[in-house]
Amino acid sequence: MIFGSRFATLRSSGIKLFGAMARSFSAMPQCVGEGGRLRVLVDMDGVLADFEGGFLQKYKSTYPGEPFIELADRRGFWVSTQYGDIQPDLCEKTISIWESKNFFIELDPLPGAVEAVKEMANMKNTDVFICTSPIKKYDHCPYEKYAWVEKHLGKEFLEKMVLARDKTLISGSLLIDDKPDISGVEPYPTWEHILFSACHNMHLQLRAPQRRLHSWADDWKLILDSKRQ
C-alpha cells in the first residue's frame, strides 16, 4: 500500500513536470523553418505606414475646433481610448477618421520602410509577408490596404499580404509590430514579437527577452541574423 501510494505520487509529479515542460517548449518561438528559412511577418499600420501621423493630420483638418494630442504625448495603443479620456465624444470622432474613405491609402510610408522590406524580401532564405489587421468596418479598409501595398511596394507584394484579426494564428519566425501586447486564440504563437517603436510605445520598458526595433534605420538585419543562429 505504501509502495502504491508512493508510485501514484511519483506518477502524478511526473505528469505535472512533463506538462510544464511541454508548455515551456510550446512557449518558445520557432527560430527557423526547414532549410534555415526565416518567415518574417511585418505589420502595416505604424510599421510600414504612418498611421499616427496620418491620423493626426486628418483629425485636425476634420475637427479643427476639437482638442488633439501631439504625437509626443501619445500613450497607449488605442488612439480612441486616449482621446475619449480627454472628452467622451472624441472617442467616436477619432474612430470616424480611420473609418473614412481614403484614410489608409493616403498614409505616407514611414522613413526607410519600403526600402527595408524590399531588401528583406530579396535576402537569401527569407520569406516576408505583410501581416495586417483590418478594422471591423470593412467598407474601405481591406481594399485600401491592398492598394497601398501595390502603390508603394509593387504588385508582387500582393501575393505576400495576410489580413488577420488574430495574428497568433499566423505561423512565422518573427513578427515586427508596434502593438505592445498581441494576444489571441493561440497562447503560444510560433513567432518572436519584435516591438517596432512608435510614439505610443516609446515610454514602455521591455522585459527580457523581448526586443525592440527603433526604426528602419536601426539594424534590422542583426535581428534576422540572430534568428538563424
Protein backbone atom coordinates (compact mmCIF):
# COMPACT_ATOMS: atom_id res chain seq x y z
CA MET A 1 0.00 0.00 0.00
CA ILE A 2 2.85 2.36 0.89
CA PHE A 3 4.62 1.49 -2.37
CA GLY A 4 1.41 2.02 -4.33
CA SER A 5 0.87 5.39 -2.69
CA ARG A 6 4.43 6.49 -3.44
CA PHE A 7 4.16 5.28 -7.04
CA ALA A 8 0.93 7.21 -7.52
CA THR A 9 2.54 10.36 -6.07
CA LEU A 10 5.62 9.94 -8.28
CA ARG A 11 3.45 9.31 -11.34
CA SER A 12 1.37 12.41 -10.61
CA SER A 13 4.50 14.54 -10.15
CA GLY A 14 5.94 13.21 -13.40
CA ILE A 15 2.80 14.09 -15.31
CA LYS A 16 2.82 17.60 -13.89
CA LEU A 17 6.52 18.02 -14.71
CA PHE A 18 6.04 16.74 -18.25
CA GLY A 19 3.09 19.09 -18.74
CA ALA A 20 5.10 22.05 -17.51
CA MET A 21 7.98 21.15 -19.82
CA ALA A 22 5.61 20.81 -22.77
CA ARG A 23 4.05 24.19 -22.07
CA SER A 24 7.50 25.74 -21.72
CA PHE A 25 8.64 24.24 -25.02
CA SER A 26 5.48 25.39 -26.76
CA ALA A 27 6.01 28.91 -25.47
CA MET A 28 9.43 29.13 -27.16
CA PRO A 29 9.10 30.86 -30.54
CA GLN A 30 10.20 28.87 -33.56
CA CYS A 31 13.57 30.18 -34.74
CA VAL A 32 13.89 28.98 -38.32
CA GLY A 33 11.94 26.88 -40.75
CA GLU A 34 13.08 23.95 -42.85
CA GLY A 35 16.37 24.58 -44.54
CA GLY A 36 17.12 27.56 -42.32
CA ARG A 37 14.45 29.76 -43.90
CA LEU A 38 13.04 32.67 -41.96
CA ARG A 39 9.43 33.76 -42.26
CA VAL A 40 9.16 37.41 -41.29
CA LEU A 41 5.73 38.91 -40.67
CA VAL A 42 5.68 42.69 -40.95
CA ASP A 43 2.81 44.74 -39.60
CA MET A 44 1.50 47.57 -41.76
CA ASP A 45 -0.02 50.47 -39.76
CA GLY A 46 2.62 52.03 -37.55
CA VAL A 47 5.40 49.89 -39.03
CA LEU A 48 5.24 50.47 -42.79
CA ALA A 49 2.56 53.17 -42.99
CA ASP A 50 2.50 56.31 -40.83
CA PHE A 51 -0.84 55.68 -39.12
CA GLU A 52 -0.30 58.09 -36.21
CA GLY A 53 0.89 60.99 -38.36
CA GLY A 54 -1.82 60.43 -40.94
CA PHE A 55 -4.49 60.24 -38.26
CA LEU A 56 -3.46 63.45 -36.52
CA GLN A 57 -3.32 65.40 -39.76
CA LYS A 58 -6.76 64.26 -40.90
CA TYR A 59 -8.30 64.61 -37.43
CA LYS A 60 -7.16 68.23 -37.11
CA SER A 61 -8.49 69.12 -40.55
CA THR A 62 -11.82 67.33 -39.94
CA TYR A 63 -12.40 68.63 -36.41
CA PRO A 64 -10.42 71.91 -36.25
CA GLY A 65 -12.13 73.13 -33.08
CA GLU A 66 -11.58 69.97 -31.04
CA PRO A 67 -8.64 69.26 -28.69
CA PHE A 68 -5.94 66.99 -30.01
CA ILE A 69 -2.94 65.08 -28.69
CA GLU A 70 0.52 65.80 -30.03
CA LEU A 71 2.39 62.70 -31.15
CA ALA A 72 4.96 63.19 -28.39
CA ASP A 73 2.15 62.90 -25.84
CA ARG A 74 0.53 59.76 -27.26
CA ARG A 75 0.27 56.93 -24.76
CA GLY A 76 -1.35 53.56 -25.29
CA PHE A 77 -2.00 51.65 -28.50
CA TRP A 78 -5.64 52.68 -28.87
CA VAL A 79 -5.92 56.27 -30.09
CA SER A 80 -9.66 56.40 -29.41
CA THR A 81 -9.16 55.46 -25.74
CA GLN A 82 -6.74 58.29 -25.03
CA TYR A 83 -8.91 60.83 -26.83
CA GLY A 84 -12.01 59.53 -25.06
CA ASP A 85 -10.30 60.12 -21.72
CA ILE A 86 -9.99 63.79 -22.63
CA GLN A 87 -13.57 64.17 -23.80
CA PRO A 88 -16.04 61.26 -24.17
CA ASP A 89 -17.41 62.28 -27.58
CA LEU A 90 -13.90 62.35 -29.06
CA CYS A 91 -13.75 58.56 -28.99
CA GLU A 92 -16.30 58.21 -31.80
CA LYS A 93 -14.80 61.14 -33.68
CA THR A 94 -11.37 59.53 -33.74
CA ILE A 95 -12.81 56.24 -34.95
CA SER A 96 -14.63 58.06 -37.75
CA ILE A 97 -11.26 59.20 -39.11
CA TRP A 98 -9.85 55.76 -39.90
CA GLU A 99 -13.27 54.50 -40.96
CA SER A 100 -13.45 57.21 -43.63
CA LYS A 101 -12.72 56.63 -47.30
CA ASN A 102 -9.12 57.11 -48.46
CA PHE A 103 -7.65 57.17 -44.95
CA PHE A 104 -5.49 54.07 -45.31
CA ILE A 105 -4.50 54.54 -48.92
CA GLU A 106 -3.32 58.10 -48.27
CA LEU A 107 -0.98 57.20 -45.41
CA ASP A 108 2.66 58.02 -46.06
CA PRO A 109 5.29 55.29 -45.74
CA LEU A 110 7.47 55.53 -42.65
CA PRO A 111 11.07 56.55 -43.39
CA GLY A 112 13.05 53.66 -44.81
CA ALA A 113 10.17 51.18 -44.58
CA VAL A 114 9.69 50.50 -48.28
CA GLU A 115 13.40 50.13 -48.96
CA ALA A 116 13.95 47.85 -45.95
CA VAL A 117 11.09 45.48 -46.74
CA LYS A 118 12.09 45.19 -50.40
CA GLU A 119 15.66 44.44 -49.38
CA MET A 120 14.46 41.94 -46.77
CA ALA A 121 12.32 40.13 -49.33
CA ASN A 122 15.37 39.69 -51.57
CA MET A 123 17.51 38.17 -48.84
CA LYS A 124 18.50 34.53 -49.13
CA ASN A 125 16.28 32.06 -47.24
CA THR A 126 13.88 34.80 -46.15
CA ASP A 127 10.13 34.92 -46.77
CA VAL A 128 8.44 38.24 -46.00
CA PHE A 129 4.71 38.72 -45.52
CA ILE A 130 2.72 41.86 -44.75
CA CYS A 131 0.60 40.78 -41.79
CA THR A 132 -2.06 43.39 -41.01
CA SER A 133 -5.35 43.54 -39.11
CA PRO A 134 -8.20 45.24 -40.99
CA ILE A 135 -10.68 47.28 -38.99
CA LYS A 136 -14.13 45.78 -38.41
CA LYS A 137 -15.86 48.41 -40.53
CA TYR A 138 -14.71 46.91 -43.81
CA ASP A 139 -16.20 49.36 -46.34
CA HIS A 140 -12.82 50.79 -47.36
CA CYS A 141 -10.01 49.37 -45.22
CA PRO A 142 -9.22 45.96 -46.82
CA TYR A 143 -9.23 47.33 -50.38
CA GLU A 144 -7.13 50.34 -49.42
CA LYS A 145 -4.55 48.21 -47.65
CA TYR A 146 -4.04 46.18 -50.82
CA ALA A 147 -3.96 49.36 -52.89
CA TRP A 148 -1.36 50.90 -50.55
CA VAL A 149 0.89 47.86 -50.84
CA GLU A 150 0.63 47.81 -54.63
CA LYS A 151 1.34 51.55 -54.80
CA HIS A 152 4.40 51.55 -52.54
CA LEU A 153 5.80 48.00 -52.70
CA GLY A 154 4.62 46.76 -56.07
CA LYS A 155 2.22 44.16 -57.42
CA GLU A 156 4.48 41.26 -56.43
CA PHE A 157 3.81 42.05 -52.77
CA LEU A 158 0.06 41.50 -53.21
CA GLU A 159 0.86 37.78 -53.02
CA LYS A 160 2.52 38.43 -49.66
CA MET A 161 -0.49 40.04 -47.99
CA VAL A 162 -2.02 38.37 -44.92
CA LEU A 163 -5.11 40.04 -43.42
CA ALA A 164 -5.87 38.63 -39.99
CA ARG A 165 -7.71 39.94 -36.96
CA ASP A 166 -5.84 37.35 -34.87
CA LYS A 167 -2.12 37.28 -35.66
CA THR A 168 -1.42 34.48 -33.19
CA LEU A 169 -2.86 32.07 -35.75
CA ILE A 170 -0.26 33.02 -38.37
CA SER A 171 2.94 30.99 -38.38
CA GLY A 172 6.25 32.80 -38.61
CA SER A 173 9.75 33.25 -37.19
CA LEU A 174 9.40 36.98 -36.41
CA LEU A 175 6.53 39.43 -36.13
CA ILE A 176 7.56 43.08 -36.37
CA ASP A 177 4.65 45.01 -34.88
CA ASP A 178 4.13 48.27 -32.96
CA LYS A 179 1.39 46.84 -30.75
CA PRO A 180 2.94 46.00 -27.35
CA ASP A 181 0.61 43.18 -26.36
CA ILE A 182 -0.55 40.78 -29.05
CA SER A 183 -2.88 38.03 -27.90
CA GLY A 184 -5.41 35.72 -29.48
CA VAL A 185 -6.67 32.17 -29.73
CA GLU A 186 -3.18 30.65 -29.86
CA PRO A 187 -1.48 31.09 -26.46
CA TYR A 188 1.97 30.23 -27.83
CA PRO A 189 2.48 31.82 -31.27
CA THR A 190 5.41 30.48 -33.29
CA TRP A 191 6.85 33.95 -33.93
CA GLU A 192 9.02 36.16 -31.76
CA HIS A 193 7.42 39.58 -31.37
CA ILE A 194 9.79 42.44 -32.20
CA LEU A 195 8.25 45.67 -30.92
CA PHE A 196 8.55 48.41 -33.52
CA SER A 197 8.95 51.79 -31.86
CA ALA A 198 6.07 54.24 -32.25
CA CYS A 199 5.06 57.40 -30.42
CA HIS A 200 2.55 55.46 -28.30
CA ASN A 201 5.01 52.81 -27.05
CA MET A 202 8.30 54.70 -26.67
CA HIS A 203 7.81 55.02 -22.90
CA LEU A 204 7.46 51.28 -22.33
CA GLN A 205 10.26 49.36 -20.68
CA LEU A 206 10.54 45.91 -22.25
CA ARG A 207 11.16 42.80 -20.21
CA ALA A 208 13.83 40.40 -21.40
CA PRO A 209 13.90 38.62 -23.75
CA GLN A 210 11.57 40.94 -25.72
CA ARG A 211 13.37 43.09 -28.27
CA ARG A 212 12.67 46.43 -29.95
CA LEU A 213 13.33 47.76 -33.44
CA HIS A 214 13.59 51.52 -33.01
CA SER A 215 13.13 52.40 -36.69
CA TRP A 216 14.01 51.09 -40.14
CA ALA A 217 17.32 52.90 -39.76
CA ASP A 218 18.03 50.52 -36.88
CA ASP A 219 19.95 47.29 -37.58
CA TRP A 220 17.04 45.05 -38.54
CA LYS A 221 19.40 42.66 -40.32
CA LEU A 222 21.05 41.88 -36.98
CA ILE A 223 17.69 40.75 -35.61
CA LEU A 224 17.12 38.46 -38.58
CA ASP A 225 20.63 37.05 -38.34
CA SER A 226 20.13 36.29 -34.64
CA LYS A 227 17.22 34.01 -35.54
CA ARG A 228 19.38 31.99 -37.93
CA GLN A 229 21.99 31.14 -35.29
